[in-house]
PDB file of N, CA and C in Angstrom:
ATOM      1  N   MET A   1      -3.870 -49.584  89.522  1.00  0.00           N
ATOM      2  CA  MET A   1      -3.359 -48.291  88.896  1.00  0.00           C
ATOM      3  C   MET A   1      -4.927 -47.465  88.607  1.00  0.00           C
ATOM      4  N   ASN A   2      -4.766 -46.071  89.050  1.00  0.00           N
ATOM      5  CA  ASN A   2      -5.935 -45.468  89.012  1.00  0.00           C
ATOM      6  C   ASN A   2      -5.849 -44.634  87.652  1.00  0.00           C
ATOM      7  N   GLY A   3      -6.818 -43.887  87.362  1.00  0.00           N
ATOM      8  CA  GLY A   3      -7.181 -43.064  86.076  1.00  0.00           C
ATOM      9  C   GLY A   3      -6.061 -42.126  85.870  1.00  0.00           C
ATOM     10  N   ALA A   4      -5.314 -41.637  86.913  1.00  0.00           N
ATOM     11  CA  ALA A   4      -4.629 -40.272  86.773  1.00  0.00           C
ATOM     12  C   ALA A   4      -3.097 -40.987  86.328  1.00  0.00           C
ATOM     13  N   THR A   5      -2.942 -42.122  87.026  1.00  0.00           N
ATOM     14  CA  THR A   5      -1.666 -42.468  86.516  1.00  0.00           C
ATOM     15  C   THR A   5      -1.055 -42.636  85.067  1.00  0.00           C
ATOM     16  N   PRO A   6      -2.008 -43.086  84.135  1.00  0.00           N
ATOM     17  CA  PRO A   6      -1.796 -43.227  82.745  1.00  0.00           C
ATOM     18  C   PRO A   6      -1.828 -42.218  82.119  1.00  0.00           C
ATOM     19  N   PHE A   7      -2.686 -40.983  82.703  1.00  0.00           N
ATOM     20  CA  PHE A   7      -2.845 -39.736  82.137  1.00  0.00           C
ATOM     21  C   PHE A   7      -1.293 -38.954  82.423  1.00  0.00           C
ATOM     22  N   ILE A   8      -1.002 -39.040  83.460  1.00  0.00           N
ATOM     23  CA  ILE A   8       0.211 -38.820  83.978  1.00  0.00           C
ATOM     24  C   ILE A   8       1.666 -39.144  83.159  1.00  0.00           C
ATOM     25  N   CYS A   9       1.486 -40.280  82.781  1.00  0.00           N
ATOM     26  CA  CYS A   9       2.641 -40.885  82.169  1.00  0.00           C
ATOM     27  C   CYS A   9       2.471 -40.368  80.597  1.00  0.00           C
ATOM     28  N   ILE A  10       1.400 -40.399  80.093  1.00  0.00           N
ATOM     29  CA  ILE A  10       1.116 -39.992  78.782  1.00  0.00           C
ATOM     30  C   ILE A  10       1.614 -38.416  78.509  1.00  0.00           C
ATOM     31  N   ILE A  11       1.311 -37.498  79.550  1.00  0.00           N
ATOM     32  CA  ILE A  11       1.718 -36.244  79.596  1.00  0.00           C
ATOM     33  C   ILE A  11       3.226 -36.130  79.698  1.00  0.00           C
ATOM     34  N   LEU A  12       3.961 -36.776  80.553  1.00  0.00           N
ATOM     35  CA  LEU A  12       5.551 -37.090  80.817  1.00  0.00           C
ATOM     36  C   LEU A  12       5.933 -37.422  79.539  1.00  0.00           C
ATOM     37  N   VAL A  13       5.350 -38.407  78.903  1.00  0.00           N
ATOM     38  CA  VAL A  13       6.215 -38.861  77.404  1.00  0.00           C
ATOM     39  C   VAL A  13       6.133 -38.054  76.522  1.00  0.00           C
ATOM     40  N   LEU A  14       4.569 -36.946  76.347  1.00  0.00           N
ATOM     41  CA  LEU A  14       4.641 -35.932  75.247  1.00  0.00           C
ATOM     42  C   LEU A  14       5.670 -34.904  75.640  1.00  0.00           C
ATOM     43  N   SER A  15       5.742 -34.561  76.773  1.00  0.00           N
ATOM     44  CA  SER A  15       6.699 -33.546  77.264  1.00  0.00           C
ATOM     45  C   SER A  15       8.125 -33.970  76.800  1.00  0.00           C
ATOM     46  N   ILE A  16       8.439 -35.161  76.876  1.00  0.00           N
ATOM     47  CA  ILE A  16       9.823 -35.498  76.599  1.00  0.00           C
ATOM     48  C   ILE A  16      10.187 -35.469  74.936  1.00  0.00           C
ATOM     49  N   PHE A  17       8.745 -36.074  74.629  1.00  0.00           N
ATOM     50  CA  PHE A  17       8.969 -36.036  73.022  1.00  0.00           C
ATOM     51  C   PHE A  17       9.119 -34.761  72.343  1.00  0.00           C
ATOM     52  N   MET A  18       8.305 -33.818  73.050  1.00  0.00           N
ATOM     53  CA  MET A  18       8.385 -32.350  72.530  1.00  0.00           C
ATOM     54  C   MET A  18       9.874 -31.577  72.786  1.00  0.00           C
ATOM     55  N   VAL A  19      10.534 -32.089  73.976  1.00  0.00           N
ATOM     56  CA  VAL A  19      11.683 -31.395  74.030  1.00  0.00           C
ATOM     57  C   VAL A  19      12.800 -32.062  73.163  1.00  0.00           C
ATOM     58  N   ILE A  20      12.600 -33.442  73.041  1.00  0.00           N
ATOM     59  CA  ILE A  20      13.667 -34.030  71.724  1.00  0.00           C
ATOM     60  C   ILE A  20      13.372 -33.288  70.441  1.00  0.00           C
ATOM     61  N   ILE A  21      11.916 -32.978  69.912  1.00  0.00           N
ATOM     62  CA  ILE A  21      11.808 -32.706  68.720  1.00  0.00           C
ATOM     63  C   ILE A  21      12.021 -31.319  68.728  1.00  0.00           C
ATOM     64  N   GLY A  22      11.913 -30.377  69.803  1.00  0.00           N
ATOM     65  CA  GLY A  22      12.355 -28.844  69.712  1.00  0.00           C
ATOM     66  C   GLY A  22      13.677 -28.840  69.835  1.00  0.00           C
ATOM     67  N   THR A  23      14.521 -29.574  70.598  1.00  0.00           N
ATOM     68  CA  THR A  23      15.967 -29.591  70.229  1.00  0.00           C
ATOM     69  C   THR A  23      16.572 -29.825  69.061  1.00  0.00           C
ATOM     70  N   ILE A  24      16.048 -30.991  68.347  1.00  0.00           N
ATOM     71  CA  ILE A  24      16.480 -31.633  66.956  1.00  0.00           C
ATOM     72  C   ILE A  24      16.171 -30.331  66.343  1.00  0.00           C
ATOM     73  N   TYR A  25      15.065 -29.621  66.167  1.00  0.00           N
ATOM     74  CA  TYR A  25      14.589 -28.603  65.073  1.00  0.00           C
ATOM     75  C   TYR A  25      15.548 -27.244  65.510  1.00  0.00           C
ATOM     76  N   ASP A  26      15.819 -26.959  66.915  1.00  0.00           N
ATOM     77  CA  ASP A  26      16.620 -26.114  67.136  1.00  0.00           C
ATOM     78  C   ASP A  26      17.881 -25.915  66.644  1.00  0.00           C
ATOM     79  N   ILE A  27      18.543 -27.378  66.673  1.00  0.00           N
ATOM     80  CA  ILE A  27      20.015 -27.654  66.385  1.00  0.00           C
ATOM     81  C   ILE A  27      20.233 -27.699  64.890  1.00  0.00           C
ATOM     82  N   PHE A  28      19.302 -28.447  64.106  1.00  0.00           N
ATOM     83  CA  PHE A  28      19.471 -28.805  62.819  1.00  0.00           C
ATOM     84  C   PHE A  28      19.152 -27.796  61.729  1.00  0.00           C
ATOM     85  N   ILE A  29      17.893 -26.950  62.342  1.00  0.00           N
ATOM     86  CA  ILE A  29      17.034 -26.125  61.361  1.00  0.00           C
ATOM     87  C   ILE A  29      17.402 -24.781  61.892  1.00  0.00           C
ATOM     88  N   HIS A  30      16.923 -24.461  63.048  1.00  0.00           N
ATOM     89  CA  HIS A  30      16.997 -22.978  63.560  1.00  0.00           C
ATOM     90  C   HIS A  30      18.221 -22.421  63.648  1.00  0.00           C
ATOM     91  N   GLN A  31      19.158 -23.273  64.248  1.00  0.00           N
ATOM     92  CA  GLN A  31      20.581 -22.521  64.059  1.00  0.00           C
ATOM     93  C   GLN A  31      21.382 -22.494  63.037  1.00  0.00           C
ATOM     94  N   LYS A  32      21.154 -23.305  62.077  1.00  0.00           N
ATOM     95  CA  LYS A  32      21.742 -23.433  60.832  1.00  0.00           C
ATOM     96  C   LYS A  32      21.159 -21.901  60.001  1.00  0.00           C
ATOM     97  N   CYS A  33      19.828 -21.680  59.905  1.00  0.00           N
ATOM     98  CA  CYS A  33      19.349 -20.713  59.311  1.00  0.00           C
ATOM     99  C   CYS A  33      19.972 -19.265  59.933  1.00  0.00           C
ATOM    100  N   THR A  34      19.823 -19.243  61.041  1.00  0.00           N
ATOM    101  CA  THR A  34      20.408 -17.946  61.963  1.00  0.00           C
ATOM    102  C   THR A  34      22.066 -17.931  61.634  1.00  0.00           C
ATOM    103  N   ASN A  35      22.792 -18.998  61.584  1.00  0.00           N
ATOM    104  CA  ASN A  35      24.225 -18.892  61.171  1.00  0.00           C
ATOM    105  C   ASN A  35      24.382 -18.529  59.731  1.00  0.00           C
ATOM    106  N   LYS A  36      23.529 -18.986  58.957  1.00  0.00           N
ATOM    107  CA  LYS A  36      23.667 -18.123  57.455  1.00  0.00           C
ATOM    108  C   LYS A  36      23.463 -17.024  57.509  1.00  0.00           C
ATOM    109  N   GLU A  37      22.237 -16.484  58.201  1.00  0.00           N
ATOM    110  CA  GLU A  37      21.954 -15.196  58.045  1.00  0.00           C
ATOM    111  C   GLU A  37      23.045 -14.413  58.575  1.00  0.00           C
ATOM    112  N   ASP A  38      23.646 -14.648  59.669  1.00  0.00           N
ATOM    113  CA  ASP A  38      24.504 -13.618  60.253  1.00  0.00           C
ATOM    114  C   ASP A  38      25.811 -13.767  59.148  1.00  0.00           C
ATOM    115  N   GLU A  39      26.190 -14.891  58.751  1.00  0.00           N
ATOM    116  CA  GLU A  39      27.339 -14.708  57.823  1.00  0.00           C
ATOM    117  C   GLU A  39      26.957 -13.976  56.470  1.00  0.00           C
ATOM    118  N   THR A  40      25.884 -13.885  55.989  1.00  0.00           N
ATOM    119  CA  THR A  40      25.470 -13.184  54.927  1.00  0.00           C
ATOM    120  C   THR A  40      25.299 -11.532  55.339  1.00  0.00           C
ATOM    121  N   ASN A  41      25.027 -11.356  56.345  1.00  0.00           N
ATOM    122  CA  ASN A  41      24.791 -10.062  56.971  1.00  0.00           C
ATOM    123  C   ASN A  41      26.094  -9.425  57.523  1.00  0.00           C
ATOM    124  N   ASN A  42      27.046 -10.143  57.938  1.00  0.00           N
ATOM    125  CA  ASN A  42      28.370  -9.829  58.498  1.00  0.00           C
ATOM    126  C   ASN A  42      29.551  -9.722  57.807  1.00  0.00           C
ATOM    127  N   LYS A  43      29.308  -9.873  56.254  1.00  0.00           N
ATOM    128  CA  LYS A  43      30.420 -10.050  55.468  1.00  0.00           C
ATOM    129  C   LYS A  43      31.320  -8.670  55.621  1.00  0.00           C
ATOM    130  N   ILE A  44      32.586  -8.774  55.460  1.00  0.00           N
ATOM    131  CA  ILE A  44      33.459  -7.638  55.567  1.00  0.00           C
ATOM    132  C   ILE A  44      33.866  -7.331  54.340  1.00  0.00           C
ATOM    133  N   ASN A  45      33.844  -5.829  53.957  1.00  0.00           N
ATOM    134  CA  ASN A  45      34.427  -5.490  52.739  1.00  0.00           C
ATOM    135  C   ASN A  45      35.388  -4.489  52.940  1.00  0.00           C
ATOM    136  N   THR A  46      36.608  -4.594  52.553  1.00  0.00           N
ATOM    137  CA  THR A  46      37.556  -3.729  52.910  1.00  0.00           C
ATOM    138  C   THR A  46      37.808  -2.720  51.571  1.00  0.00           C
ATOM    139  N   LYS A  47      37.803  -1.484  51.675  1.00  0.00           N
ATOM    140  CA  LYS A  47      37.754  -0.772  50.634  1.00  0.00           C
ATOM    141  C   LYS A  47      38.551   0.663  51.063  1.00  0.00           C
ATOM    142  N   ASN A  48      39.642   0.906  50.518  1.00  0.00           N
ATOM    143  CA  ASN A  48      40.397   1.986  50.742  1.00  0.00           C
ATOM    144  C   ASN A  48      40.854   1.931  52.316  1.00  0.00           C
ATOM    145  N   GLY A  49      41.342   0.823  52.874  1.00  0.00           N
ATOM    146  CA  GLY A  49      41.722   0.820  54.445  1.00  0.00           C
ATOM    147  C   GLY A  49      40.539   0.677  55.100  1.00  0.00           C
ATOM    148  N   THR A  50      39.248   0.956  54.892  1.00  0.00           N
ATOM    149  CA  THR A  50      38.134   0.932  56.088  1.00  0.00           C
ATOM    150  C   THR A  50      37.726  -0.313  56.013  1.00  0.00           C
ATOM    151  N   ILE A  51      37.070  -0.537  57.014  1.00  0.00           N
ATOM    152  CA  ILE A  51      36.213  -1.711  57.168  1.00  0.00           C
ATOM    153  C   ILE A  51      34.619  -1.609  57.112  1.00  0.00           C
ATOM    154  N   GLN A  52      33.772  -1.895  56.174  1.00  0.00           N
ATOM    155  CA  GLN A  52      32.416  -1.700  56.176  1.00  0.00           C
ATOM    156  C   GLN A  52      31.793  -3.097  56.172  1.00  0.00           C
ATOM    157  N   GLU A  53      30.548  -2.856  56.899  1.00  0.00           N
ATOM    158  CA  GLU A  53      29.504  -4.170  56.798  1.00  0.00           C
ATOM    159  C   GLU A  53      28.941  -4.026  55.570  1.00  0.00           C
ATOM    160  N   MET A  54      28.761  -5.255  54.870  1.00  0.00           N
ATOM    161  CA  MET A  54      27.915  -5.304  53.909  1.00  0.00           C
ATOM    162  C   MET A  54      26.895  -6.213  53.746  1.00  0.00           C
ATOM    163  N   GLU A  55      25.735  -5.846  53.442  1.00  0.00           N
ATOM    164  CA  GLU A  55      24.727  -6.624  53.579  1.00  0.00           C
ATOM    165  C   GLU A  55      24.252  -7.263  52.220  1.00  0.00           C
ATOM    166  N   MET A  56      24.082  -8.543  52.270  1.00  0.00           N
ATOM    167  CA  MET A  56      23.730  -9.246  50.987  1.00  0.00           C
ATOM    168  C   MET A  56      22.539  -8.691  50.274  1.00  0.00           C
ATOM    169  N   GLU A  57      22.345  -8.307  49.091  1.00  0.00           N
ATOM    170  CA  GLU A  57      21.149  -8.212  48.817  1.00  0.00           C
ATOM    171  C   GLU A  57      20.467  -9.117  48.197  1.00  0.00           C
ATOM    172  N   GLY A  58      19.034  -9.440  48.200  1.00  0.00           N
ATOM    173  CA  GLY A  58      18.328 -10.718  47.590  1.00  0.00           C
ATOM    174  C   GLY A  58      18.358 -11.706  48.772  1.00  0.00           C
ATOM    175  N   VAL A  59      18.833 -11.560  49.845  1.00  0.00           N
ATOM    176  CA  VAL A  59      18.945 -12.729  50.637  1.00  0.00           C
ATOM    177  C   VAL A  59      17.827 -12.543  51.762  1.00  0.00           C
ATOM    178  N   SER A  60      16.879 -13.304  51.523  1.00  0.00           N
ATOM    179  CA  SER A  60      15.603 -13.346  52.437  1.00  0.00           C
ATOM    180  C   SER A  60      15.631 -14.065  53.372  1.00  0.00           C
ATOM    181  N   SER A  61      15.439 -13.649  54.714  1.00  0.00           N
ATOM    182  CA  SER A  61      15.744 -14.640  55.879  1.00  0.00           C
ATOM    183  C   SER A  61      14.220 -15.633  55.748  1.00  0.00           C
ATOM    184  N   LEU A  62      14.454 -16.627  56.279  1.00  0.00           N
ATOM    185  CA  LEU A  62      12.948 -17.525  56.633  1.00  0.00           C
ATOM    186  C   LEU A  62      12.117 -16.935  57.474  1.00  0.00           C
ATOM    187  N   PRO A  63      11.127 -16.815  57.389  1.00  0.00           N
ATOM    188  CA  PRO A  63      10.175 -16.205  58.403  1.00  0.00           C
ATOM    189  C   PRO A  63      10.034 -16.931  59.369  1.00  0.00           C
ATOM    190  N   GLU A  64       9.882 -16.716  60.537  1.00  0.00           N
ATOM    191  CA  GLU A  64       9.386 -17.710  61.757  1.00  0.00           C
ATOM    192  C   GLU A  64       7.997 -18.088  61.779  1.00  0.00           C
ATOM    193  N   SER A  65       7.923 -19.501  61.305  1.00  0.00           N
ATOM    194  CA  SER A  65       6.541 -19.795  61.835  1.00  0.00           C
ATOM    195  C   SER A  65       5.985 -20.248  63.246  1.00  0.00           C
ATOM    196  N   LYS A  66       4.664 -20.140  63.489  1.00  0.00           N
ATOM    197  CA  LYS A  66       4.168 -20.152  64.896  1.00  0.00           C
ATOM    198  C   LYS A  66       4.884 -21.690  65.332  1.00  0.00           C
ATOM    199  N   LEU A  67       4.634 -22.632  64.516  1.00  0.00           N
ATOM    200  CA  LEU A  67       5.113 -23.908  64.788  1.00  0.00           C
ATOM    201  C   LEU A  67       6.661 -24.047  65.287  1.00  0.00           C
ATOM    202  N   GLY A  68       7.601 -23.261  64.693  1.00  0.00           N
ATOM    203  CA  GLY A  68       8.832 -23.151  64.840  1.00  0.00           C
ATOM    204  C   GLY A  68       9.173 -22.545  66.020  1.00  0.00           C
ATOM    205  N   MET A  69       8.314 -21.537  66.222  1.00  0.00           N
ATOM    206  CA  MET A  69       8.542 -20.758  67.907  1.00  0.00           C
ATOM    207  C   MET A  69       7.922 -21.657  68.726  1.00  0.00           C
ATOM    208  N   ILE A  70       7.236 -22.372  68.588  1.00  0.00           N
ATOM    209  CA  ILE A  70       6.538 -23.141  69.803  1.00  0.00           C
ATOM    210  C   ILE A  70       7.855 -24.419  70.084  1.00  0.00           C
ATOM    211  N   LEU A  71       8.353 -24.931  69.116  1.00  0.00           N
ATOM    212  CA  LEU A  71       9.154 -25.892  69.079  1.00  0.00           C
ATOM    213  C   LEU A  71      10.632 -25.262  69.865  1.00  0.00           C
ATOM    214  N   ILE A  72      10.970 -24.159  69.560  1.00  0.00           N
ATOM    215  CA  ILE A  72      12.058 -23.529  70.088  1.00  0.00           C
ATOM    216  C   ILE A  72      11.637 -23.372  71.663  1.00  0.00           C
ATOM    217  N   CYS A  73      10.619 -23.295  72.090  1.00  0.00           N
ATOM    218  CA  CYS A  73      10.099 -23.033  73.373  1.00  0.00           C
ATOM    219  C   CYS A  73      10.550 -24.484  74.193  1.00  0.00           C
ATOM    220  N   PHE A  74      10.509 -25.573  73.509  1.00  0.00           N
ATOM    221  CA  PHE A  74      10.731 -26.784  74.140  1.00  0.00           C
ATOM    222  C   PHE A  74      12.419 -27.238  74.178  1.00  0.00           C
ATOM    223  N   SER A  75      13.141 -26.508  73.445  1.00  0.00           N
ATOM    224  CA  SER A  75      14.426 -26.780  72.978  1.00  0.00           C
ATOM    225  C   SER A  75      15.498 -26.799  74.177  1.00  0.00           C
ATOM    226  N   ALA A  76      15.847 -27.789  74.444  1.00  0.00           N
ATOM    227  CA  ALA A  76      16.656 -28.145  75.709  1.00  0.00           C
ATOM    228  C   ALA A  76      18.041 -26.887  75.525  1.00  0.00           C
ATOM    229  N   TYR A  77      18.404 -27.032  74.292  1.00  0.00           N
ATOM    230  CA  TYR A  77      19.685 -26.291  73.832  1.00  0.00           C
ATOM    231  C   TYR A  77      19.641 -24.872  74.146  1.00  0.00           C
ATOM    232  N   THR A  78      18.672 -24.262  73.318  1.00  0.00           N
ATOM    233  CA  THR A  78      18.212 -22.777  73.733  1.00  0.00           C
ATOM    234  C   THR A  78      17.963 -22.558  75.144  1.00  0.00           C
ATOM    235  N   ASN A  79      16.990 -23.452  75.831  1.00  0.00           N
ATOM    236  CA  ASN A  79      16.645 -23.148  77.201  1.00  0.00           C
ATOM    237  C   ASN A  79      17.827 -23.103  78.210  1.00  0.00           C
ATOM    238  N   THR A  80      18.823 -23.938  78.037  1.00  0.00           N
ATOM    239  CA  THR A  80      19.998 -24.160  78.871  1.00  0.00           C
ATOM    240  C   THR A  80      20.931 -22.729  78.517  1.00  0.00           C
ATOM    241  N   LYS A  81      21.076 -22.349  77.205  1.00  0.00           N
ATOM    242  CA  LYS A  81      21.653 -21.291  77.128  1.00  0.00           C
ATOM    243  C   LYS A  81      20.994 -19.989  77.932  1.00  0.00           C
ATOM    244  N   VAL A  82      19.898 -19.861  77.750  1.00  0.00           N
ATOM    245  CA  VAL A  82      19.204 -18.787  78.615  1.00  0.00           C
ATOM    246  C   VAL A  82      19.304 -18.836  80.147  1.00  0.00           C
ATOM    247  N   ILE A  83      19.067 -20.020  80.486  1.00  0.00           N
ATOM    248  CA  ILE A  83      19.223 -20.183  82.018  1.00  0.00           C
ATOM    249  C   ILE A  83      20.563 -20.082  82.572  1.00  0.00           C
ATOM    250  N   PHE A  84      21.559 -20.448  81.813  1.00  0.00           N
ATOM    251  CA  PHE A  84      23.007 -20.328  82.222  1.00  0.00           C
ATOM    252  C   PHE A  84      23.624 -19.100  81.823  1.00  0.00           C
ATOM    253  N   ASN A  85      22.904 -18.179  81.384  1.00  0.00           N
ATOM    254  CA  ASN A  85      23.698 -16.746  80.622  1.00  0.00           C
ATOM    255  C   ASN A  85      24.061 -16.147  82.054  1.00  0.00           C
ATOM    256  N   THR A  86      25.400 -15.665  82.122  1.00  0.00           N
ATOM    257  CA  THR A  86      25.636 -15.057  83.323  1.00  0.00           C
ATOM    258  C   THR A  86      25.872 -13.321  82.892  1.00  0.00           C
ATOM    259  N   LYS A  87      25.467 -13.097  81.716  1.00  0.00           N
ATOM    260  CA  LYS A  87      25.771 -11.833  81.516  1.00  0.00           C
ATOM    261  C   LYS A  87      24.734 -10.762  82.009  1.00  0.00           C
ATOM    262  N   LEU A  88      24.883  -9.664  82.542  1.00  0.00           N
ATOM    263  CA  LEU A  88      23.956  -8.997  83.085  1.00  0.00           C
ATOM    264  C   LEU A  88      24.056  -7.516  82.273  1.00  0.00           C
ATOM    265  N   HIS A  89      22.635  -7.103  82.172  1.00  0.00           N
ATOM    266  CA  HIS A  89      22.413  -6.054  81.614  1.00  0.00           C
ATOM    267  C   HIS A  89      22.688  -4.709  82.260  1.00  0.00           C
ATOM    268  N   PRO A  90      23.358  -3.762  81.559  1.00  0.00           N
ATOM    269  CA  PRO A  90      24.036  -2.664  82.338  1.00  0.00           C
ATOM    270  C   PRO A  90      22.805  -1.999  83.566  1.00  0.00           C
ATOM    271  N   ASP A  91      21.593  -2.123  83.048  1.00  0.00           N
ATOM    272  CA  ASP A  91      20.472  -1.445  84.080  1.00  0.00           C
ATOM    273  C   ASP A  91      20.060  -2.115  85.153  1.00  0.00           C
ATOM    274  N   THR A  92      20.605  -3.432  85.306  1.00  0.00           N
ATOM    275  CA  THR A  92      20.188  -4.253  86.289  1.00  0.00           C
ATOM    276  C   THR A  92      21.221  -4.215  87.596  1.00  0.00           C
ATOM    277  N   LEU A  93      20.608  -4.181  88.746  1.00  0.00           N
ATOM    278  CA  LEU A  93      21.389  -4.314  89.881  1.00  0.00           C
ATOM    279  C   LEU A  93      21.744  -5.632  90.522  1.00  0.00           C
ATOM    280  N   PRO A  94      23.186  -6.094  90.446  1.00  0.00           N
ATOM    281  CA  PRO A  94      23.710  -7.463  90.731  1.00  0.00           C
ATOM    282  C   PRO A  94      23.015  -7.830  92.404  1.00  0.00           C
ATOM    283  N   ILE A  95      22.839  -6.845  93.397  1.00  0.00           N
ATOM    284  CA  ILE A  95      22.455  -7.154  94.376  1.00  0.00           C
ATOM    285  C   ILE A  95      20.811  -8.107  94.345  1.00  0.00           C
ATOM    286  N   ILE A  96      20.242  -7.786  93.374  1.00  0.00           N
ATOM    287  CA  ILE A  96      18.903  -8.178  93.424  1.00  0.00           C
ATOM    288  C   ILE A  96      19.071  -9.933  92.866  1.00  0.00           C
ATOM    289  N   HIS A  97      20.156 -10.209  92.340  1.00  0.00           N
ATOM    290  CA  HIS A  97      20.443 -11.431  91.689  1.00  0.00           C
ATOM    291  C   HIS A  97      20.730 -12.174  92.943  1.00  0.00           C
ATOM    292  N   GLY A  98      21.580 -11.642  93.766  1.00  0.00           N
ATOM    293  CA  GLY A  98      22.020 -12.131  95.176  1.00  0.00           C
ATOM    294  C   GLY A  98      20.967 -12.553  95.835  1.00  0.00           C
ATOM    295  N   LEU A  99      20.119 -11.452  96.164  1.00  0.00           N
ATOM    296  CA  LEU A  99      19.030 -11.932  97.147  1.00  0.00           C
ATOM    297  C   LEU A  99      17.880 -12.957  96.685  1.00  0.00           C
ATOM    298  N   ARG A 100      17.926 -12.915  95.257  1.00  0.00           N
ATOM    299  CA  ARG A 100      16.862 -13.963  94.605  1.00  0.00           C
ATOM    300  C   ARG A 100      17.627 -15.444  95.054  1.00  0.00           C
ATOM    301  N   PHE A 101      18.968 -15.375  94.865  1.00  0.00           N
ATOM    302  CA  PHE A 101      19.761 -16.637  95.051  1.00  0.00           C
ATOM    303  C   PHE A 101      19.613 -16.950  96.573  1.00  0.00           C
ATOM    304  N   LEU A 102      19.783 -16.088  97.700  1.00  0.00           N
ATOM    305  CA  LEU A 102      19.474 -16.428  99.063  1.00  0.00           C
ATOM    306  C   LEU A 102      18.214 -16.860  99.232  1.00  0.00           C
ATOM    307  N   ASN A 103      17.164 -16.214  98.822  1.00  0.00           N
ATOM    308  CA  ASN A 103      15.879 -16.619  98.887  1.00  0.00           C
ATOM    309  C   ASN A 103      15.516 -18.103  98.539  1.00  0.00           C
ATOM    310  N   MET A 104      16.056 -18.397  97.287  1.00  0.00           N
ATOM    311  CA  MET A 104      15.782 -19.749  96.908  1.00  0.00           C
ATOM    312  C   MET A 104      16.371 -20.756  97.750  1.00  0.00           C
ATOM    313  N   CYS A 105      17.779 -20.531  98.155  1.00  0.00           N
ATOM    314  CA  CYS A 105      18.330 -21.316  99.337  1.00  0.00           C
ATOM    315  C   CYS A 105      17.581 -21.355 100.509  1.00  0.00           C
ATOM    316  N   TRP A 106      16.813 -20.497 100.896  1.00  0.00           N
ATOM    317  CA  TRP A 106      16.263 -20.309 102.099  1.00  0.00           C
ATOM    318  C   TRP A 106      14.719 -21.373 101.811  1.00  0.00           C
ATOM    319  N   VAL A 107      14.214 -21.296 100.854  1.00  0.00           N
ATOM    320  CA  VAL A 107      13.062 -22.017 100.337  1.00  0.00           C
ATOM    321  C   VAL A 107      13.319 -23.401 100.355  1.00  0.00           C
ATOM    322  N   ILE A 108      14.759 -23.805  99.792  1.00  0.00           N
ATOM    323  CA  ILE A 108      14.764 -24.912  99.345  1.00  0.00           C
ATOM    324  C   ILE A 108      15.239 -25.649 101.058  1.00  0.00           C
ATOM    325  N   VAL A 109      16.087 -25.097 101.853  1.00  0.00           N
ATOM    326  CA  VAL A 109      16.273 -25.406 103.293  1.00  0.00           C
ATOM    327  C   VAL A 109      15.235 -25.487 103.865  1.00  0.00           C
ATOM    328  N   ALA A 110      14.062 -24.883 103.791  1.00  0.00           N
ATOM    329  CA  ALA A 110      12.683 -24.864 104.831  1.00  0.00           C
ATOM    330  C   ALA A 110      12.229 -26.098 104.185  1.00  0.00           C
ATOM    331  N   HIS A 111      12.087 -26.175 102.890  1.00  0.00           N
ATOM    332  CA  HIS A 111      11.123 -27.610 102.412  1.00  0.00           C
ATOM    333  C   HIS A 111      12.103 -28.902 102.921  1.00  0.00           C
ATOM    334  N   CYS A 112      13.410 -28.760 102.708  1.00  0.00           N
ATOM    335  CA  CYS A 112      14.011 -29.922 103.516  1.00  0.00           C
ATOM    336  C   CYS A 112      13.755 -30.197 104.983  1.00  0.00           C
ATOM    337  N   VAL A 113      13.782 -29.092 105.659  1.00  0.00           N
ATOM    338  CA  VAL A 113      13.404 -29.142 107.145  1.00  0.00           C
ATOM    339  C   VAL A 113      12.065 -29.565 107.421  1.00  0.00           C
ATOM    340  N   ILE A 114      11.178 -29.080 106.742  1.00  0.00           N
ATOM    341  CA  ILE A 114       9.644 -29.395 106.815  1.00  0.00           C
ATOM    342  C   ILE A 114       9.554 -31.090 106.521  1.00  0.00           C
ATOM    343  N   TYR A 115       9.946 -31.666 105.225  1.00  0.00           N
ATOM    344  CA  TYR A 115       9.812 -32.882 105.098  1.00  0.00           C
ATOM    345  C   TYR A 115      10.593 -33.784 106.072  1.00  0.00           C
ATOM    346  N   ILE A 116      11.527 -33.549 106.405  1.00  0.00           N
ATOM    347  CA  ILE A 116      12.294 -34.089 107.529  1.00  0.00           C
ATOM    348  C   ILE A 116      11.686 -34.408 108.996  1.00  0.00           C
ATOM    349  N   ILE A 117      11.130 -33.300 109.381  1.00  0.00           N
ATOM    350  CA  ILE A 117      10.242 -33.231 110.499  1.00  0.00           C
ATOM    351  C   ILE A 117       9.165 -34.189 110.187  1.00  0.00           C
ATOM    352  N   ASP A 118       8.486 -33.962 109.185  1.00  0.00           N
ATOM    353  CA  ASP A 118       7.365 -34.769 108.838  1.00  0.00           C
ATOM    354  C   ASP A 118       7.509 -36.384 108.676  1.00  0.00           C
ATOM    355  N   TYR A 119       8.995 -36.829 108.088  1.00  0.00           N
ATOM    356  CA  TYR A 119       9.430 -38.268 108.012  1.00  0.00           C
ATOM    357  C   TYR A 119       9.804 -38.496 109.328  1.00  0.00           C
ATOM    358  N   LEU A 120      10.431 -37.823 110.293  1.00  0.00           N
ATOM    359  CA  LEU A 120      10.489 -38.342 111.889  1.00  0.00           C
ATOM    360  C   LEU A 120       9.687 -38.372 112.619  1.00  0.00           C
ATOM    361  N   GLY A 121       8.423 -37.583 112.254  1.00  0.00           N
ATOM    362  CA  GLY A 121       7.221 -37.536 113.091  1.00  0.00           C
ATOM    363  C   GLY A 121       6.523 -38.774 113.019  1.00  0.00           C
ATOM    364  N   LYS A 122       6.546 -39.703 111.829  1.00  0.00           N
ATOM    365  CA  LYS A 122       5.872 -40.851 111.602  1.00  0.00           C
ATOM    366  C   LYS A 122       6.423 -42.022 112.137  1.00  0.00           C
TER     367      LYS A 122
END
């Protein structure tokens, strides 16, 4: 075992640990605070047949800490929601996303062909 292998293993274990801690923080702390904030800000008050949004006075949202923001970056829950989001912004062109998909397919196929040629050549 050379010196790089233990270093890579330590980095891998730390990365997995950060993903686990970030996901736990996101699900149990950040999401609950966000949901409570949404509930207090979106209470509906019906008065004279009209629906009005009522903001609770005196309810302060928790300020985002730097550590919390860093942990959210490692959250598997939030990252999968962002990656698999299929909603398009009205200003975007859907053809660009199609071209990106086709380019990624081309890169994957090219790498497979290169590795197969290299493997068969030996």
